[in-house]
């Protein structure tokens, strides 16, 4: 116990330093940052489902263009 009392000022200063420089985060801060990251991701990136739908649409358009091109070649 005497050793703890001997080092208590150092422990208090160290704890104040850690708190002041926000070395440790609270669950509320972590939740807030998580929400910010999710909002940023939703704003800047597309979902996998939307990407797959767009890819399928482009593939269908390519097939239709190929068919139109083939029809034009056969009529010449």
N, C-alpha and C. Protein backbone atom coordinates (compact mmCIF):
# COMPACT_ATOMS: atom_id res chain seq x y z
N UNK A 1 0.81 -1.19 0.00
CA UNK A 1 0.00 0.00 0.00
C UNK A 1 0.86 1.26 0.00
N UNK A 2 1.97 1.20 0.72
CA UNK A 2 2.86 2.35 0.79
C UNK A 2 3.49 2.65 -0.57
N UNK A 3 3.73 1.60 -1.35
CA UNK A 3 4.30 1.80 -2.69
C UNK A 3 3.31 2.51 -3.60
N UNK A 4 2.04 2.19 -3.45
CA UNK A 4 1.02 2.83 -4.26
C UNK A 4 0.93 4.30 -3.89
N UNK A 5 0.98 4.60 -2.61
CA UNK A 5 0.93 5.99 -2.16
C UNK A 5 2.17 6.76 -2.62
N UNK A 6 3.27 6.08 -2.67
CA UNK A 6 4.51 6.72 -3.09
C UNK A 6 4.42 7.13 -4.57
N UNK A 7 3.83 6.31 -5.39
CA UNK A 7 3.74 6.58 -6.83
C UNK A 7 2.41 7.22 -7.24
N UNK A 8 1.58 7.55 -6.31
CA UNK A 8 0.27 8.10 -6.64
C UNK A 8 0.33 9.43 -7.41
N UNK A 9 1.23 10.37 -7.11
CA UNK A 9 1.28 11.60 -7.92
C UNK A 9 1.64 11.31 -9.38
N UNK A 10 2.54 10.38 -9.60
CA UNK A 10 2.92 10.02 -10.96
C UNK A 10 1.74 9.36 -11.68
N UNK A 11 1.04 8.50 -10.98
CA UNK A 11 -0.13 7.84 -11.56
C UNK A 11 -1.21 8.86 -11.92
N UNK A 12 -1.44 9.82 -11.05
CA UNK A 12 -2.45 10.86 -11.31
C UNK A 12 -2.05 11.70 -12.52
N UNK A 13 -0.79 12.10 -12.59
CA UNK A 13 -0.31 12.89 -13.74
C UNK A 13 -0.43 12.08 -15.03
N UNK A 14 -0.06 10.83 -14.97
CA UNK A 14 -0.16 9.96 -16.14
C UNK A 14 -1.61 9.79 -16.58
N UNK A 15 -2.50 9.59 -15.64
CA UNK A 15 -3.93 9.46 -15.98
C UNK A 15 -4.47 10.75 -16.58
N UNK A 16 -4.08 11.89 -16.03
CA UNK A 16 -4.53 13.17 -16.57
C UNK A 16 -4.01 13.38 -17.99
N UNK A 17 -2.78 12.98 -18.23
CA UNK A 17 -2.20 13.08 -19.57
C UNK A 17 -3.00 12.23 -20.55
N UNK A 18 -3.29 11.00 -20.17
CA UNK A 18 -4.04 10.09 -21.04
C UNK A 18 -5.44 10.62 -21.32
N UNK A 19 -6.08 11.17 -20.31
CA UNK A 19 -7.43 11.72 -20.48
C UNK A 19 -7.39 12.99 -21.33
N UNK A 20 -6.41 13.84 -21.08
CA UNK A 20 -6.31 15.11 -21.80
C UNK A 20 -6.04 14.89 -23.29
N UNK A 21 -5.23 13.92 -23.63
CA UNK A 21 -4.89 13.65 -25.03
C UNK A 21 -5.81 12.61 -25.66
N UNK A 22 -6.82 12.25 -24.96
CA UNK A 22 -7.86 11.33 -25.44
C UNK A 22 -7.27 10.04 -26.02
N UNK A 23 -6.43 9.43 -25.26
CA UNK A 23 -5.82 8.17 -25.66
C UNK A 23 -6.88 7.06 -25.65
N UNK A 24 -7.76 7.11 -24.68
CA UNK A 24 -8.83 6.13 -24.57
C UNK A 24 -10.13 6.77 -25.04
N UNK A 25 -10.97 5.99 -25.72
CA UNK A 25 -12.25 6.52 -26.18
C UNK A 25 -13.38 5.91 -25.36
N UNK A 26 -14.46 6.65 -25.28
CA UNK A 26 -15.65 6.14 -24.59
C UNK A 26 -16.52 5.42 -25.61
N UNK A 27 -17.42 4.57 -25.16
CA UNK A 27 -18.32 3.91 -26.10
C UNK A 27 -19.16 4.89 -26.92
N UNK A 28 -19.51 6.03 -26.33
CA UNK A 28 -20.29 7.03 -27.06
C UNK A 28 -19.47 7.62 -28.21
N UNK A 29 -18.20 7.91 -27.95
CA UNK A 29 -17.33 8.44 -29.00
C UNK A 29 -17.12 7.42 -30.10
N UNK A 30 -16.99 6.18 -29.71
CA UNK A 30 -16.80 5.10 -30.69
C UNK A 30 -18.05 4.94 -31.54
N UNK A 31 -19.23 4.99 -30.95
CA UNK A 31 -20.48 4.89 -31.68
C UNK A 31 -20.64 6.06 -32.65
N UNK A 32 -20.29 7.27 -32.21
CA UNK A 32 -20.39 8.45 -33.06
C UNK A 32 -19.48 8.32 -34.28
N UNK A 33 -18.26 7.89 -34.06
CA UNK A 33 -17.30 7.72 -35.17
C UNK A 33 -17.79 6.63 -36.12
N UNK A 34 -18.36 5.57 -35.57
CA UNK A 34 -18.90 4.48 -36.39
C UNK A 34 -20.00 5.00 -37.30
N UNK A 35 -20.91 5.82 -36.77
CA UNK A 35 -21.98 6.41 -37.58
C UNK A 35 -21.42 7.30 -38.67
N UNK A 36 -20.40 8.09 -38.35
CA UNK A 36 -19.77 8.96 -39.34
C UNK A 36 -19.15 8.15 -40.47
N UNK A 37 -18.49 7.06 -40.13
CA UNK A 37 -17.86 6.21 -41.15
C UNK A 37 -18.92 5.58 -42.03
N UNK A 38 -20.00 5.07 -41.44
CA UNK A 38 -21.08 4.45 -42.21
C UNK A 38 -21.70 5.47 -43.17
N UNK A 39 -21.96 6.69 -42.70
CA UNK A 39 -22.54 7.72 -43.56
C UNK A 39 -21.60 8.08 -44.70
N UNK A 40 -20.32 8.16 -44.42
CA UNK A 40 -19.34 8.47 -45.45
C UNK A 40 -19.27 7.36 -46.51
N UNK A 41 -19.31 6.13 -46.05
CA UNK A 41 -19.26 5.00 -46.99
C UNK A 41 -20.51 4.99 -47.86
N UNK A 42 -21.68 5.22 -47.26
CA UNK A 42 -22.92 5.25 -48.05
C UNK A 42 -22.91 6.38 -49.06
N UNK A 43 -22.27 7.49 -48.72
CA UNK A 43 -22.24 8.66 -49.60
C UNK A 43 -21.27 8.46 -50.77
N UNK A 44 -20.14 7.81 -50.54
CA UNK A 44 -19.09 7.74 -51.55
C UNK A 44 -19.03 6.42 -52.33
N UNK A 45 -19.67 5.38 -51.85
CA UNK A 45 -19.54 4.08 -52.50
C UNK A 45 -20.91 3.51 -52.83
N UNK A 46 -20.94 2.60 -53.79
CA UNK A 46 -22.17 1.96 -54.22
C UNK A 46 -22.26 0.59 -53.55
N UNK A 47 -23.48 0.12 -53.35
CA UNK A 47 -23.64 -1.19 -52.74
C UNK A 47 -23.36 -2.29 -53.77
N UNK A 48 -23.03 -3.45 -53.29
CA UNK A 48 -22.72 -4.58 -54.17
C UNK A 48 -23.95 -4.96 -55.00
N UNK A 49 -25.12 -4.90 -54.40
CA UNK A 49 -26.36 -5.24 -55.10
C UNK A 49 -26.59 -4.28 -56.28
N UNK A 50 -26.42 -2.99 -56.04
CA UNK A 50 -26.60 -2.00 -57.10
C UNK A 50 -25.56 -2.19 -58.20
N UNK A 51 -24.34 -2.49 -57.82
CA UNK A 51 -23.28 -2.71 -58.80
C UNK A 51 -23.59 -3.91 -59.69
N UNK A 52 -24.06 -5.00 -59.08
CA UNK A 52 -24.39 -6.18 -59.87
C UNK A 52 -25.55 -5.91 -60.82
N UNK A 53 -26.55 -5.16 -60.38
CA UNK A 53 -27.67 -4.80 -61.26
C UNK A 53 -27.19 -3.95 -62.43
N UNK A 54 -26.32 -2.99 -62.17
CA UNK A 54 -25.78 -2.15 -63.23
C UNK A 54 -24.95 -2.96 -64.21
N UNK A 55 -24.17 -3.88 -63.70
CA UNK A 55 -23.35 -4.73 -64.55
C UNK A 55 -24.23 -5.59 -65.45
N UNK A 56 -25.31 -6.15 -64.90
CA UNK A 56 -26.24 -6.94 -65.71
C UNK A 56 -26.90 -6.08 -66.78
N UNK A 57 -27.28 -4.84 -66.43
CA UNK A 57 -27.89 -3.94 -67.39
C UNK A 57 -26.95 -3.60 -68.53
N UNK A 58 -25.68 -3.38 -68.21
CA UNK A 58 -24.69 -3.08 -69.25
C UNK A 58 -24.48 -4.30 -70.14
N UNK A 59 -24.48 -5.48 -69.56
CA UNK A 59 -24.32 -6.70 -70.35
C UNK A 59 -25.51 -6.89 -71.29
N UNK A 60 -26.72 -6.60 -70.81
CA UNK A 60 -27.91 -6.70 -71.67
C UNK A 60 -27.84 -5.69 -72.80
N UNK A 61 -27.42 -4.47 -72.50
CA UNK A 61 -27.30 -3.45 -73.54
C UNK A 61 -26.26 -3.86 -74.58
N UNK A 62 -25.18 -4.45 -74.14
CA UNK A 62 -24.14 -4.90 -75.06
C UNK A 62 -24.68 -5.98 -75.98
N UNK A 63 -25.46 -6.92 -75.43
CA UNK A 63 -26.06 -7.96 -76.26
C UNK A 63 -27.00 -7.37 -77.29
N UNK A 64 -27.82 -6.41 -76.89
CA UNK A 64 -28.76 -5.78 -77.82
C UNK A 64 -28.02 -5.01 -78.91
N UNK A 65 -26.98 -4.31 -78.55
CA UNK A 65 -26.19 -3.59 -79.54
C UNK A 65 -25.54 -4.56 -80.52
N UNK A 66 -25.03 -5.69 -80.01
CA UNK A 66 -24.45 -6.70 -80.89
C UNK A 66 -25.49 -7.25 -81.86
N UNK A 67 -26.71 -7.47 -81.38
CA UNK A 67 -27.78 -7.97 -82.26
C UNK A 67 -28.13 -6.94 -83.33
N UNK A 68 -28.22 -5.67 -82.95
CA UNK A 68 -28.50 -4.61 -83.92
C UNK A 68 -27.38 -4.54 -84.95
N UNK A 69 -26.16 -4.64 -84.51
CA UNK A 69 -25.00 -4.60 -85.41
C UNK A 69 -25.06 -5.78 -86.38
N UNK A 70 -25.38 -6.97 -85.88
CA UNK A 70 -25.50 -8.14 -86.75
C UNK A 70 -26.61 -7.96 -87.78
N UNK A 71 -27.74 -7.39 -87.35
CA UNK A 71 -28.85 -7.14 -88.29
C UNK A 71 -28.43 -6.15 -89.37
N UNK A 72 -27.73 -5.12 -89.02
CA UNK A 72 -27.26 -4.14 -89.99
C UNK A 72 -26.29 -4.74 -90.98
N UNK A 73 -25.43 -5.62 -90.53
CA UNK A 73 -24.46 -6.26 -91.41
C UNK A 73 -25.16 -7.21 -92.38
N UNK A 74 -26.14 -7.95 -91.88
CA UNK A 74 -26.82 -8.92 -92.75
C UNK A 74 -27.67 -8.23 -93.82
N UNK A 75 -28.19 -7.02 -93.55
CA UNK A 75 -29.02 -6.32 -94.54
C UNK A 75 -28.18 -5.64 -95.63
N UNK A 76 -26.91 -5.48 -95.47
CA UNK A 76 -26.09 -4.81 -96.47
C UNK A 76 -25.83 -5.66 -97.64
